[in-house]
C-alpha atoms as a PDB file:
ATOM      1  CA  MET A   1      20.559  10.785  -1.162  1.00  0.00           C
ATOM      2  CA  ASP A   2      18.330   7.726  -0.843  1.00  0.00           C
ATOM      3  CA  THR A   3      20.305   4.516  -0.504  1.00  0.00           C
ATOM      4  CA  GLN A   4      19.997   2.530  -3.729  1.00  0.00           C
ATOM      5  CA  VAL A   5      18.814  -1.071  -3.591  1.00  0.00           C
ATOM      6  CA  GLU A   6      18.719  -3.776  -6.222  1.00  0.00           C
ATOM      7  CA  VAL A   7      15.401  -3.887  -8.049  1.00  0.00           C
ATOM      8  CA  PRO A   8      14.281  -5.852 -11.094  1.00  0.00           C
ATOM      9  CA  PRO A   9      15.223  -4.136 -14.398  1.00  0.00           C
ATOM     10  CA  GLU A  10      11.593  -3.340 -15.232  1.00  0.00           C
ATOM     11  CA  GLU A  11      11.113  -1.775 -11.785  1.00  0.00           C
ATOM     12  CA  ALA A  12      14.279   0.265 -12.142  1.00  0.00           C
ATOM     13  CA  GLN A  13      13.084   1.508 -15.528  1.00  0.00           C
ATOM     14  CA  ALA A  14       9.711   2.486 -14.084  1.00  0.00           C
ATOM     15  CA  VAL A  15      11.423   4.407 -11.274  1.00  0.00           C
ATOM     16  CA  ALA A  16      13.586   6.269 -13.766  1.00  0.00           C
ATOM     17  CA  GLU A  17      10.556   7.199 -15.855  1.00  0.00           C
ATOM     18  CA  ASP A  18       8.012   7.976 -13.157  1.00  0.00           C
ATOM     19  CA  GLU A  19       9.737   9.518 -10.173  1.00  0.00           C
ATOM     20  CA  PRO A  20       9.781  13.337 -10.011  1.00  0.00           C
ATOM     21  CA  THR A  21      12.835  15.063  -8.622  1.00  0.00           C
ATOM     22  CA  GLY A  22      13.274  18.536  -7.260  1.00  0.00           C
ATOM     23  CA  GLY A  23      17.021  18.565  -7.836  1.00  0.00           C
ATOM     24  CA  ALA A  24      19.112  20.807  -5.590  1.00  0.00           C
ATOM     25  CA  ALA A  25      16.020  22.189  -3.852  1.00  0.00           C
ATOM     26  CA  SER A  26      15.005  18.688  -2.759  1.00  0.00           C
ATOM     27  CA  LEU A  27      18.519  17.980  -1.491  1.00  0.00           C
ATOM     28  CA  GLU A  28      18.530  21.166   0.580  1.00  0.00           C
ATOM     29  CA  PHE A  29      15.053  20.548   1.948  1.00  0.00           C
ATOM     30  CA  ALA A  30      15.799  16.950   2.958  1.00  0.00           C
ATOM     31  CA  ALA A  31      19.060  17.972   4.612  1.00  0.00           C
ATOM     32  CA  ALA A  32      17.189  20.480   6.764  1.00  0.00           C
ATOM     33  CA  GLN A  33      14.740  17.892   8.145  1.00  0.00           C
ATOM     34  CA  THR A  34      15.310  15.983  11.371  1.00  0.00           C
ATOM     35  CA  THR A  35      14.331  12.438  12.274  1.00  0.00           C
ATOM     36  CA  ALA A  36      11.657  13.898  14.546  1.00  0.00           C
ATOM     37  CA  ASP A  37      10.268  15.861  11.571  1.00  0.00           C
ATOM     38  CA  LEU A  38      10.104  12.614   9.629  1.00  0.00           C
ATOM     39  CA  GLN A  39       8.348  10.807  12.469  1.00  0.00           C
ATOM     40  CA  ARG A  40       5.804  13.602  12.831  1.00  0.00           C
ATOM     41  CA  ARG A  41       4.980  13.379   9.119  1.00  0.00           C
ATOM     42  CA  LEU A  42       4.503   9.612   9.286  1.00  0.00           C
ATOM     43  CA  ALA A  43       2.369   9.907  12.434  1.00  0.00           C
ATOM     44  CA  GLU A  44       0.253  12.528  10.661  1.00  0.00           C
ATOM     45  CA  PHE A  45      -0.455   9.971   7.924  1.00  0.00           C
ATOM     46  CA  GLY A  46      -1.446   7.365  10.503  1.00  0.00           C
ATOM     47  CA  TRP A  47       1.629   5.356  11.529  1.00  0.00           C
ATOM     48  CA  PRO A  48       1.663   4.758  15.305  1.00  0.00           C
ATOM     49  CA  ILE A  49       5.165   6.043  16.005  1.00  0.00           C
ATOM     50  CA  ALA A  50       6.478   8.662  18.411  1.00  0.00           C
ATOM     51  CA  ALA A  51       8.590  11.663  17.433  1.00  0.00           C
ATOM     52  CA  ASP A  52      11.505  10.618  19.653  1.00  0.00           C
ATOM     53  CA  GLY A  53      14.240  11.597  17.196  1.00  0.00           C
ATOM     54  CA  ALA A  54      15.715   8.072  17.012  1.00  0.00           C
ATOM     55  CA  TYR A  55      15.900   6.402  13.609  1.00  0.00           C
ATOM     56  CA  GLY A  56      15.200   2.966  15.049  1.00  0.00           C
ATOM     57  CA  PRO A  57      13.528  -0.162  13.633  1.00  0.00           C
ATOM     58  CA  SER A  58       9.986   1.263  13.828  1.00  0.00           C
ATOM     59  CA  THR A  59      10.904   4.420  11.933  1.00  0.00           C
ATOM     60  CA  PHE A  60      12.844   2.434   9.341  1.00  0.00           C
ATOM     61  CA  ALA A  61       9.866   0.097   8.879  1.00  0.00           C
ATOM     62  CA  ALA A  62       7.430   3.009   8.614  1.00  0.00           C
ATOM     63  CA  VAL A  63       9.546   4.673   5.922  1.00  0.00           C
ATOM     64  CA  ARG A  64       9.726   1.408   3.973  1.00  0.00           C
ATOM     65  CA  ASP A  65       5.976   0.916   4.242  1.00  0.00           C
ATOM     66  CA  PHE A  66       5.358   4.508   3.190  1.00  0.00           C
ATOM     67  CA  GLN A  67       7.591   4.055   0.141  1.00  0.00           C
ATOM     68  CA  ARG A  68       5.909   0.770  -0.756  1.00  0.00           C
ATOM     69  CA  GLY A  69       2.387   2.180  -0.515  1.00  0.00           C
ATOM     70  CA  PHE A  70       2.966   5.587  -2.113  1.00  0.00           C
ATOM     71  CA  ALA A  71       1.118   5.257  -5.417  1.00  0.00           C
ATOM     72  CA  TRP A  72       1.358   8.716  -6.967  1.00  0.00           C
ATOM     73  CA  TRP A  73       4.641   7.662  -8.559  1.00  0.00           C
ATOM     74  CA  ARG A  74       7.239   4.974  -7.874  1.00  0.00           C
ATOM     75  CA  LEU A  75       9.725   5.170  -5.032  1.00  0.00           C
ATOM     76  CA  LEU A  76      12.603   2.872  -4.251  1.00  0.00           C
ATOM     77  CA  VAL A  77      11.710   0.880  -1.148  1.00  0.00           C
ATOM     78  CA  ASP A  78      14.813   1.051   1.022  1.00  0.00           C
ATOM     79  CA  GLY A  79      13.743   2.515   4.383  1.00  0.00           C
ATOM     80  CA  HIS A  80      15.894   5.643   4.023  1.00  0.00           C
ATOM     81  CA  ALA A  81      14.370   9.122   3.895  1.00  0.00           C
ATOM     82  CA  GLY A  82      16.431  10.857   1.244  1.00  0.00           C
ATOM     83  CA  PRO A  83      15.368  13.793  -0.962  1.00  0.00           C
ATOM     84  CA  LYS A  84      13.033  11.810  -3.209  1.00  0.00           C
ATOM     85  CA  THR A  85      11.262  10.235  -0.262  1.00  0.00           C
ATOM     86  CA  TRP A  86      10.910  13.661   1.376  1.00  0.00           C
ATOM     87  CA  GLU A  87       9.431  14.981  -1.855  1.00  0.00           C
ATOM     88  CA  ALA A  88       6.831  12.194  -1.666  1.00  0.00           C
ATOM     89  CA  LEU A  89       6.181  12.854   2.033  1.00  0.00           C
ATOM     90  CA  GLU A  90       5.492  16.512   1.331  1.00  0.00           C
ATOM     91  CA  TYR A  91       3.299  15.619  -1.638  1.00  0.00           C
ATOM     92  CA  THR A  92       1.275  13.312   0.610  1.00  0.00           C
ATOM     93  CA  HIS A  93       1.013  16.061   3.230  1.00  0.00           C
ATOM     94  CA  ALA A  94      -0.262  18.490   0.579  1.00  0.00           C
ATOM     95  CA  HIS A  95      -2.874  15.902  -0.471  1.00  0.00           C
ATOM     96  CA  ASP A  96      -4.334  15.253   2.986  1.00  0.00           C
ATOM     97  CA  GLY A  97      -2.468  12.020   3.687  1.00  0.00           C
ATOM     98  CA  ARG A  98      -3.466  10.337   0.426  1.00  0.00           C
ATOM     99  CA  CYS A  99      -1.356   7.579  -1.086  1.00  0.00           C
ATOM    100  CA  SER A 100      -3.294   7.992  -4.365  1.00  0.00           C
ATOM    101  CA  PRO A 101      -5.994  10.355  -5.672  1.00  0.00           C
ATOM    102  CA  ASN A 102      -8.821   8.710  -3.706  1.00  0.00           C
ATOM    103  CA  PHE A 103      -7.278   6.703  -0.862  1.00  0.00           C
ATOM    104  CA  ARG A 104      -5.518   7.744   2.327  1.00  0.00           C
ATOM    105  CA  PHE A 105      -2.804   5.662   3.945  1.00  0.00           C
ATOM    106  CA  ARG A 106      -4.763   5.391   7.179  1.00  0.00           C
ATOM    107  CA  GLU A 107      -7.632   3.594   5.381  1.00  0.00           C
ATOM    108  CA  PHE A 108      -5.373   0.528   5.168  1.00  0.00           C
ATOM    109  CA  ALA A 109      -4.348   0.501   8.850  1.00  0.00           C
ATOM    110  CA  SER A 110      -4.739  -2.714  10.824  1.00  0.00           C
ATOM    111  CA  HIS A 111      -7.745  -2.757  13.148  1.00  0.00           C
ATOM    112  CA  GLY A 112      -5.366  -4.228  15.723  1.00  0.00           C
ATOM    113  CA  ASP A 113      -2.099  -2.338  16.256  1.00  0.00           C
ATOM    114  CA  ARG A 114      -3.002   0.425  13.704  1.00  0.00           C
ATOM    115  CA  TRP A 115       0.160  -0.149  11.672  1.00  0.00           C
ATOM    116  CA  ILE A 116      -0.125   0.680   7.969  1.00  0.00           C
ATOM    117  CA  LYS A 117       1.127  -1.633   5.271  1.00  0.00           C
ATOM    118  CA  VAL A 118      -0.109  -1.589   1.666  1.00  0.00           C
ATOM    119  CA  ASP A 119       1.350  -2.342  -1.754  1.00  0.00           C
ATOM    120  CA  ARG A 120       1.005   0.416  -4.332  1.00  0.00           C
ATOM    121  CA  GLU A 121      -0.172  -2.130  -6.939  1.00  0.00           C
ATOM    122  CA  LEU A 122      -3.163  -2.877  -4.710  1.00  0.00           C
ATOM    123  CA  VAL A 123      -3.872   0.851  -4.481  1.00  0.00           C
ATOM    124  CA  HIS A 124      -3.676   1.210  -8.283  1.00  0.00           C
ATOM    125  CA  GLY A 125      -6.135  -1.666  -8.663  1.00  0.00           C
ATOM    126  CA  LEU A 126      -8.514  -0.174  -6.124  1.00  0.00           C
ATOM    127  CA  GLU A 127      -8.493   3.133  -7.998  1.00  0.00           C
ATOM    128  CA  LEU A 128      -9.702   1.288 -11.106  1.00  0.00           C
ATOM    129  CA  TYR A 129     -12.240  -0.661  -9.017  1.00  0.00           C
ATOM    130  CA  ARG A 130     -13.557   2.628  -7.615  1.00  0.00           C
ATOM    131  CA  GLU A 131     -13.837   4.046 -11.127  1.00  0.00           C
ATOM    132  CA  LEU A 132     -15.970   1.050 -12.103  1.00  0.00           C
ATOM    133  CA  LEU A 133     -18.115   1.580  -9.038  1.00  0.00           C
ATOM    134  CA  GLY A 134     -18.706   5.217  -9.884  1.00  0.00           C
ATOM    135  CA  HIS A 135     -18.552   6.468  -6.286  1.00  0.00           C
ATOM    136  CA  GLY A 136     -16.548   6.195  -3.082  1.00  0.00           C
ATOM    137  CA  LEU A 137     -15.155   2.840  -1.943  1.00  0.00           C
ATOM    138  CA  THR A 138     -14.892   1.738   1.692  1.00  0.00           C
ATOM    139  CA  ILE A 139     -11.931  -0.435   2.681  1.00  0.00           C
ATOM    140  CA  ILE A 140     -13.488  -2.805   5.210  1.00  0.00           C
ATOM    141  CA  SER A 141     -10.163  -4.427   6.068  1.00  0.00           C
ATOM    142  CA  GLY A 142      -6.690  -3.725   4.720  1.00  0.00           C
ATOM    143  CA  TYR A 143      -3.502  -4.699   6.524  1.00  0.00           C
ATOM    144  CA  ARG A 144      -3.830  -7.068   9.495  1.00  0.00           C
ATOM    145  CA  ASP A 145      -1.050  -7.357  12.026  1.00  0.00           C
ATOM    146  CA  PRO A 146      -0.262 -10.987  12.956  1.00  0.00           C
ATOM    147  CA  LEU A 147      -1.941 -10.878  16.385  1.00  0.00           C
ATOM    148  CA  TYR A 148      -5.149  -9.366  15.018  1.00  0.00           C
ATOM    149  CA  ASN A 149      -5.202 -11.799  12.110  1.00  0.00           C
ATOM    150  CA  ASN A 150      -4.744 -14.764  14.435  1.00  0.00           C
ATOM    151  CA  THR A 151      -7.366 -13.713  16.973  1.00  0.00           C
ATOM    152  CA  HIS A 152      -9.964 -12.893  14.308  1.00  0.00           C
ATOM    153  CA  GLY A 153      -9.824 -16.124  12.365  1.00  0.00           C
ATOM    154  CA  GLY A 154      -7.640 -14.960   9.484  1.00  0.00           C
ATOM    155  CA  ALA A 155      -5.891 -17.513   7.267  1.00  0.00           C
ATOM    156  CA  ARG A 156      -2.408 -18.421   8.522  1.00  0.00           C
ATOM    157  CA  ASN A 157      -0.747 -16.998   5.404  1.00  0.00           C
ATOM    158  CA  SER A 158      -3.382 -14.365   4.612  1.00  0.00           C
ATOM    159  CA  GLN A 159      -2.434 -11.742   2.041  1.00  0.00           C
ATOM    160  CA  HIS A 160      -3.696  -9.177   4.568  1.00  0.00           C
ATOM    161  CA  LEU A 161      -0.559  -9.902   6.609  1.00  0.00           C
ATOM    162  CA  TYR A 162       1.581  -8.455   3.827  1.00  0.00           C
ATOM    163  CA  GLY A 163      -0.515  -5.414   2.985  1.00  0.00           C
ATOM    164  CA  ASN A 164      -1.492  -7.065  -0.299  1.00  0.00           C
ATOM    165  CA  ALA A 165      -5.250  -7.392   0.292  1.00  0.00           C
ATOM    166  CA  ALA A 166      -8.449  -5.479   0.882  1.00  0.00           C
ATOM    167  CA  ASP A 167     -11.934  -6.623   1.879  1.00  0.00           C
ATOM    168  CA  LEU A 168     -14.652  -4.593   0.173  1.00  0.00           C
ATOM    169  CA  PRO A 169     -18.426  -4.185   0.123  1.00  0.00           C
ATOM    170  CA  THR A 170     -19.985  -6.693  -2.300  1.00  0.00           C
ATOM    171  CA  ASP A 171     -20.933  -4.273  -5.077  1.00  0.00           C
ATOM    172  CA  ILE A 172     -19.395  -5.656  -8.300  1.00  0.00           C
ATOM    173  CA  ALA A 173     -19.687  -9.094  -9.916  1.00  0.00           C
ATOM    174  CA  TYR A 174     -16.599 -11.287 -10.295  1.00  0.00           C
ATOM    175  CA  PRO A 175     -16.385 -11.294 -14.146  1.00  0.00           C
ATOM    176  CA  VAL A 176     -16.270  -7.499 -14.197  1.00  0.00           C
ATOM    177  CA  VAL A 177     -13.521  -7.310 -11.569  1.00  0.00           C
ATOM    178  CA  LYS A 178     -11.464 -10.013 -13.293  1.00  0.00           C
ATOM    179  CA  LYS A 179     -11.473  -7.963 -16.491  1.00  0.00           C
ATOM    180  CA  LEU A 180      -9.582  -5.210 -14.689  1.00  0.00           C
ATOM    181  CA  ARG A 181      -6.507  -7.494 -14.729  1.00  0.00           C
ATOM    182  CA  CYS A 182      -5.261  -5.985 -11.463  1.00  0.00           C
ATOM    183  CA  PHE A 183      -5.887  -8.665  -8.863  1.00  0.00           C
ATOM    184  CA  SER A 184      -4.344 -12.135  -8.620  1.00  0.00           C
ATOM    185  CA  GLY A 185      -6.555 -13.244  -5.718  1.00  0.00           C
ATOM    186  CA  ILE A 186     -10.313 -12.668  -5.640  1.00  0.00           C
ATOM    187  CA  GLY A 187     -12.762 -13.819  -2.949  1.00  0.00           C
ATOM    188  CA  ILE A 188     -16.382 -14.107  -4.074  1.00  0.00           C
ATOM    189  CA  GLN A 189     -19.653 -14.112  -2.149  1.00  0.00           C
ATOM    190  CA  ALA A 190     -21.285 -17.349  -3.252  1.00  0.00           C
ATOM    191  CA  ALA A 191     -24.841 -16.088  -2.860  1.00  0.00           C
ATOM    192  CA  ASN A 192     -24.556 -13.450  -5.573  1.00  0.00           C
ATOM    193  CA  ASN A 193     -21.141 -13.906  -7.296  1.00  0.00           C
ATOM    194  CA  PHE A 194     -20.085 -10.440  -6.137  1.00  0.00           C
ATOM    195  CA  VAL A 195     -16.497  -9.709  -5.081  1.00  0.00           C
ATOM    196  CA  ARG A 196     -15.741  -9.408  -1.385  1.00  0.00           C
ATOM    197  CA  HIS A 197     -11.924  -9.605  -1.325  1.00  0.00           C
ATOM    198  CA  VAL A 198      -9.131  -8.607  -3.725  1.00  0.00           C
ATOM    199  CA  ASP A 199      -5.390  -9.034  -3.428  1.00  0.00           C
ATOM    200  CA  VAL A 200      -2.146  -8.687  -5.344  1.00  0.00           C
ATOM    201  CA  ARG A 201      -0.469 -11.916  -4.295  1.00  0.00           C
ATOM    202  CA  HIS A 202       1.641 -11.818  -7.449  1.00  0.00           C
ATOM    203  CA  ARG A 203       3.635  -9.140  -5.607  1.00  0.00           C
ATOM    204  CA  GLY A 204       4.693 -11.887  -3.182  1.00  0.00           C
ATOM    205  CA  PRO A 205       4.463 -14.157  -1.404  1.00  0.00           C
ATOM    206  CA  ASN A 206       2.380 -16.132  -3.876  1.00  0.00           C
ATOM    207  CA  THR A 207       1.793 -19.692  -2.703  1.00  0.00           C
ATOM    208  CA  THR A 208      -1.155 -20.368  -5.034  1.00  0.00           C
ATOM    209  CA  GLY A 209       0.288 -19.174  -8.342  1.00  0.00           C
ATOM    210  CA  GLY A 210      -2.522 -16.696  -9.007  1.00  0.00           C
ATOM    211  CA  THR A 211      -1.941 -14.096 -11.715  1.00  0.00           C
ATOM    212  CA  VAL A 212      -3.927 -11.114 -12.931  1.00  0.00           C
ATOM    213  CA  ASP A 213      -4.942 -13.155 -15.981  1.00  0.00           C
ATOM    214  CA  SER A 214      -5.756 -16.294 -13.996  1.00  0.00           C
ATOM    215  CA  PRO A 215      -6.494 -15.217 -10.416  1.00  0.00           C
ATOM    216  CA  THR A 216      -6.817 -17.588  -7.499  1.00  0.00           C
ATOM    217  CA  ILE A 217     -10.503 -17.528  -6.534  1.00  0.00           C
ATOM    218  CA  TRP A 218     -12.556 -18.886  -3.650  1.00  0.00           C
ATOM    219  CA  TYR A 219     -16.089 -18.534  -2.360  1.00  0.00           C
ATOM    220  CA  TYR A 220     -17.489 -17.236   0.918  1.00  0.00           C
ATOM    221  CA  ARG A 221     -20.643 -19.049   2.065  1.00  0.00           C
END
C-alpha cells in the first residue's frame, strides 16, 4: 500500500472523503505492475524519465509531482506508487493525460528541462478561471526549472519554481479574478488591469503573506 505521511488534519479528512479506492482489485493490479511500467506511464504524461526499471530519485520525484498535481481527487503526496496512486495513473491514462477535466499535465512542463511540477490547487483555480473565460485557456508558462528561470529573467524566488504559478493570456480583469478566491498572487498588466499571472503561494513557500482573500498583487509595465 502507499506509504502514509503526516498531513494536516483538514488534508487528511479531505483525502478520506475524496479518494476513490478499488479495494482488492486495486491491490492486485498495483502488485502486478513493474517500475518500468510506472516509468512508461509517467513518460506518457510528459515526465522526461526513462523506463530503466530503477526506482531512483527521478522516478520518486516524478511520482511525488504526479500525486501533487493530480486534481481529479486528492492523493497523499509521498512518492510511492501504491494501489491508490496506480488507480490515479490509470484514470489519467484513460483521460488522455489530463490532471483535471480540461488540463493535461504536460501543459505545465518547464520550457527548459521539460519537467512537470504543478499544485492541484492551482489546477482547481485554473478550471474556475477557464469557466469564467467561457473557452479554452492556454498556459503560457507553468513550472520553470531553476536554470530556465535564471536564464530567462525570472524572480529569484518565483512561484513558478515550485509549480505554484501560471502565466496566462490577458483576457480577464483583476477584480473578476480576485472574486474567484483561488489565487494568493496575481500579476496585472498595468495598461488594461487584466490578469497576466496567477499563483497559489499560500500553498508554500509564501514570503509575501498573500491569501486568496487578500492576494499579493503587482503590475507589469
